[in-house]
C-alpha atoms as a PDB file:
ATOM      1  CA  MET A   1      14.740 -16.547 -11.622  1.00  0.00           C
ATOM      2  CA  ILE A   2      14.975 -14.808  -8.236  1.00  0.00           C
ATOM      3  CA  PHE A   3      14.918 -11.418  -9.985  1.00  0.00           C
ATOM      4  CA  ILE A   4      11.683 -12.365 -11.790  1.00  0.00           C
ATOM      5  CA  ASN A   5      10.140 -13.510  -8.487  1.00  0.00           C
ATOM      6  CA  ILE A   6      11.115 -10.179  -6.897  1.00  0.00           C
ATOM      7  CA  LEU A   7       9.469  -8.228  -9.735  1.00  0.00           C
ATOM      8  CA  ILE A   8       6.310 -10.339  -9.550  1.00  0.00           C
ATOM      9  CA  GLY A   9       6.200  -9.921  -5.755  1.00  0.00           C
ATOM     10  CA  LEU A  10       6.660  -6.138  -5.968  1.00  0.00           C
ATOM     11  CA  LYS A  11       3.904  -5.830  -8.562  1.00  0.00           C
ATOM     12  CA  MET A  12       1.563  -7.938  -6.430  1.00  0.00           C
ATOM     13  CA  LEU A  13       2.365  -5.855  -3.346  1.00  0.00           C
ATOM     14  CA  LYS A  14       1.752  -2.604  -5.231  1.00  0.00           C
ATOM     15  CA  ASN A  15      -1.581  -3.909  -6.523  1.00  0.00           C
ATOM     16  CA  ILE A  16      -2.666  -4.912  -3.002  1.00  0.00           C
ATOM     17  CA  ILE A  17      -1.722  -1.488  -1.606  1.00  0.00           C
ATOM     18  CA  ASP A  18      -3.651   0.198  -4.435  1.00  0.00           C
ATOM     19  CA  LEU A  19      -6.652  -2.033  -3.755  1.00  0.00           C
ATOM     20  CA  ILE A  20      -6.663  -1.139  -0.054  1.00  0.00           C
ATOM     21  CA  ASN A  21      -6.243   2.563  -0.784  1.00  0.00           C
ATOM     22  CA  LYS A  22      -9.150   2.502  -3.254  1.00  0.00           C
ATOM     23  CA  ARG A  23     -11.376   1.050  -0.531  1.00  0.00           C
ATOM     24  CA  ILE A  24      -9.857   2.920   2.411  1.00  0.00           C
ATOM     25  CA  VAL A  25     -13.316   4.079   3.545  1.00  0.00           C
ATOM     26  CA  LEU A  26     -13.934   0.485   4.697  1.00  0.00           C
ATOM     27  CA  PHE A  27     -11.068   0.882   7.165  1.00  0.00           C
ATOM     28  CA  GLU A  28     -12.411   4.001   8.897  1.00  0.00           C
ATOM     29  CA  SER A  29     -12.483   2.443  12.392  1.00  0.00           C
ATOM     30  CA  PHE A  30      -8.862   1.346  12.183  1.00  0.00           C
ATOM     31  CA  GLU A  31      -6.061   3.682  13.221  1.00  0.00           C
ATOM     32  CA  GLN A  32      -3.283   1.765  11.493  1.00  0.00           C
ATOM     33  CA  ILE A  33      -2.976  -0.837   8.737  1.00  0.00           C
ATOM     34  CA  TYR A  34       0.117  -2.959   8.113  1.00  0.00           C
ATOM     35  CA  ILE A  35       1.012  -5.611   5.565  1.00  0.00           C
ATOM     36  CA  PHE A  36       3.351  -8.236   6.984  1.00  0.00           C
ATOM     37  CA  GLY A  37       4.517 -11.797   6.483  1.00  0.00           C
ATOM     38  CA  SER A  38       5.569 -13.787   3.444  1.00  0.00           C
ATOM     39  CA  ILE A  39       4.299 -11.203   0.930  1.00  0.00           C
ATOM     40  CA  LEU A  40       7.277  -9.040   1.945  1.00  0.00           C
ATOM     41  CA  GLN A  41       9.835 -11.780   1.306  1.00  0.00           C
ATOM     42  CA  ASN A  42      11.361 -11.223  -2.103  1.00  0.00           C
ATOM     43  CA  ASN A  43      11.945 -14.765  -3.256  1.00  0.00           C
ATOM     44  CA  THR A  44       8.758 -16.669  -2.471  1.00  0.00           C
ATOM     45  CA  LYS A  45       5.132 -16.707  -3.545  1.00  0.00           C
ATOM     46  CA  PRO A  46       3.117 -15.850  -0.447  1.00  0.00           C
ATOM     47  CA  LYS A  47       0.816 -18.468   1.063  1.00  0.00           C
ATOM     48  CA  ASP A  48      -1.474 -15.683   2.211  1.00  0.00           C
ATOM     49  CA  ILE A  49      -1.609 -11.915   2.513  1.00  0.00           C
ATOM     50  CA  ASP A  50      -1.283 -10.914   6.153  1.00  0.00           C
ATOM     51  CA  ILE A  51      -2.894  -7.639   7.199  1.00  0.00           C
ATOM     52  CA  LEU A  52      -2.705  -6.185  10.717  1.00  0.00           C
ATOM     53  CA  LEU A  53      -5.514  -3.783  11.656  1.00  0.00           C
ATOM     54  CA  LEU A  54      -5.099  -1.687  14.803  1.00  0.00           C
ATOM     55  CA  TYR A  55      -7.979   0.141  16.447  1.00  0.00           C
ATOM     56  CA  SER A  56      -8.270   2.429  19.459  1.00  0.00           C
ATOM     57  CA  SER A  57     -11.774   1.549  20.639  1.00  0.00           C
ATOM     58  CA  TYR A  58     -13.989  -1.476  20.159  1.00  0.00           C
ATOM     59  CA  SER A  59     -17.453  -0.865  18.730  1.00  0.00           C
ATOM     60  CA  LYS A  60     -20.261  -2.455  16.741  1.00  0.00           C
ATOM     61  CA  LYS A  61     -19.247  -0.233  13.814  1.00  0.00           C
ATOM     62  CA  LEU A  62     -15.769  -1.748  13.920  1.00  0.00           C
ATOM     63  CA  LEU A  63     -17.250  -5.263  13.758  1.00  0.00           C
ATOM     64  CA  VAL A  64     -19.431  -4.320  10.785  1.00  0.00           C
ATOM     65  CA  GLU A  65     -16.428  -2.813   8.987  1.00  0.00           C
ATOM     66  CA  LEU A  66     -14.283  -5.858   9.709  1.00  0.00           C
ATOM     67  CA  LYS A  67     -16.982  -8.144   8.306  1.00  0.00           C
ATOM     68  CA  LYS A  68     -17.204  -6.000   5.140  1.00  0.00           C
ATOM     69  CA  ILE A  69     -13.410  -5.949   4.816  1.00  0.00           C
ATOM     70  CA  LYS A  70     -13.199  -9.737   5.097  1.00  0.00           C
ATOM     71  CA  HIS A  71     -15.954 -10.114   2.499  1.00  0.00           C
ATOM     72  CA  GLU A  72     -14.410  -7.579   0.118  1.00  0.00           C
ATOM     73  CA  PHE A  73     -10.830  -8.845   0.533  1.00  0.00           C
ATOM     74  CA  HIS A  74     -11.200 -12.625   0.636  1.00  0.00           C
ATOM     75  CA  SER A  75      -8.393 -13.265  -1.872  1.00  0.00           C
ATOM     76  CA  PHE A  76      -6.140 -11.584  -4.419  1.00  0.00           C
ATOM     77  CA  GLN A  77      -5.151 -13.515  -7.548  1.00  0.00           C
ATOM     78  CA  GLY A  78      -5.938 -16.757  -5.719  1.00  0.00           C
ATOM     79  CA  THR A  79      -3.960 -15.822  -2.605  1.00  0.00           C
ATOM     80  CA  PRO A  80      -6.163 -15.563   0.509  1.00  0.00           C
ATOM     81  CA  PHE A  81      -6.120 -12.598   2.862  1.00  0.00           C
ATOM     82  CA  HIS A  82      -5.558 -13.159   6.580  1.00  0.00           C
ATOM     83  CA  PHE A  83      -6.619 -10.309   8.880  1.00  0.00           C
ATOM     84  CA  VAL A  84      -5.454  -9.750  12.443  1.00  0.00           C
ATOM     85  CA  ALA A  85      -7.380  -7.050  14.315  1.00  0.00           C
ATOM     86  CA  LEU A  86      -5.961  -5.836  17.620  1.00  0.00           C
ATOM     87  CA  SER A  87      -6.564  -2.886  19.861  1.00  0.00           C
ATOM     88  CA  LEU A  88      -3.632  -0.535  20.304  1.00  0.00           C
ATOM     89  CA  GLU A  89      -3.410  -1.801  23.899  1.00  0.00           C
ATOM     90  CA  GLU A  90      -3.284  -5.447  22.776  1.00  0.00           C
ATOM     91  CA  GLU A  91      -0.544  -4.611  20.295  1.00  0.00           C
ATOM     92  CA  ALA A  92       1.445  -2.840  23.023  1.00  0.00           C
ATOM     93  CA  GLU A  93       1.062  -5.850  25.340  1.00  0.00           C
ATOM     94  CA  THR A  94       2.179  -8.328  22.674  1.00  0.00           C
ATOM     95  CA  SER A  95       4.815  -6.080  21.032  1.00  0.00           C
ATOM     96  CA  LEU A  96       3.761  -7.568  17.703  1.00  0.00           C
ATOM     97  CA  LEU A  97       5.023  -4.654  15.612  1.00  0.00           C
ATOM     98  CA  HIS A  98       8.361  -4.671  17.396  1.00  0.00           C
ATOM     99  CA  ARG A  99       8.737  -8.429  16.884  1.00  0.00           C
ATOM    100  CA  MET A 100       8.080  -8.002  13.153  1.00  0.00           C
ATOM    101  CA  ASN A 101      11.246  -5.897  12.895  1.00  0.00           C
ATOM    102  CA  SER A 102      11.480  -4.638   9.322  1.00  0.00           C
ATOM    103  CA  THR A 103       9.096  -7.219   7.841  1.00  0.00           C
ATOM    104  CA  LYS A 104       6.099  -4.907   7.869  1.00  0.00           C
ATOM    105  CA  LEU A 105       4.804  -2.155   5.663  1.00  0.00           C
ATOM    106  CA  LYS A 106       2.535   0.560   7.051  1.00  0.00           C
ATOM    107  CA  ILE A 107      -0.385   1.448   4.757  1.00  0.00           C
ATOM    108  CA  LYS A 108      -2.286   3.786   7.069  1.00  0.00           C
END
């Protein structure tokens, strides 16, 4: 059963990555994109799909893009998306990426 859950999880993850890459133009203001959280655990169905968006400078364009992203990516196969948007400085202050250890996957 665990093997089946791993295969289902990998297929879901691949489909999410493909979906983001197909709409990558929406993410223009963001320097880096990471998937993290329960979606990367092999033996569980994720409660949500956690996406970290890192940007270098705050702008109205960034806010418009984030609103479009949230509208476009509200859920995937019934699993909701959860977006965290931080500046590169905020990420450095919180060391969020470092604290994630290996439980992250860089998309951009």
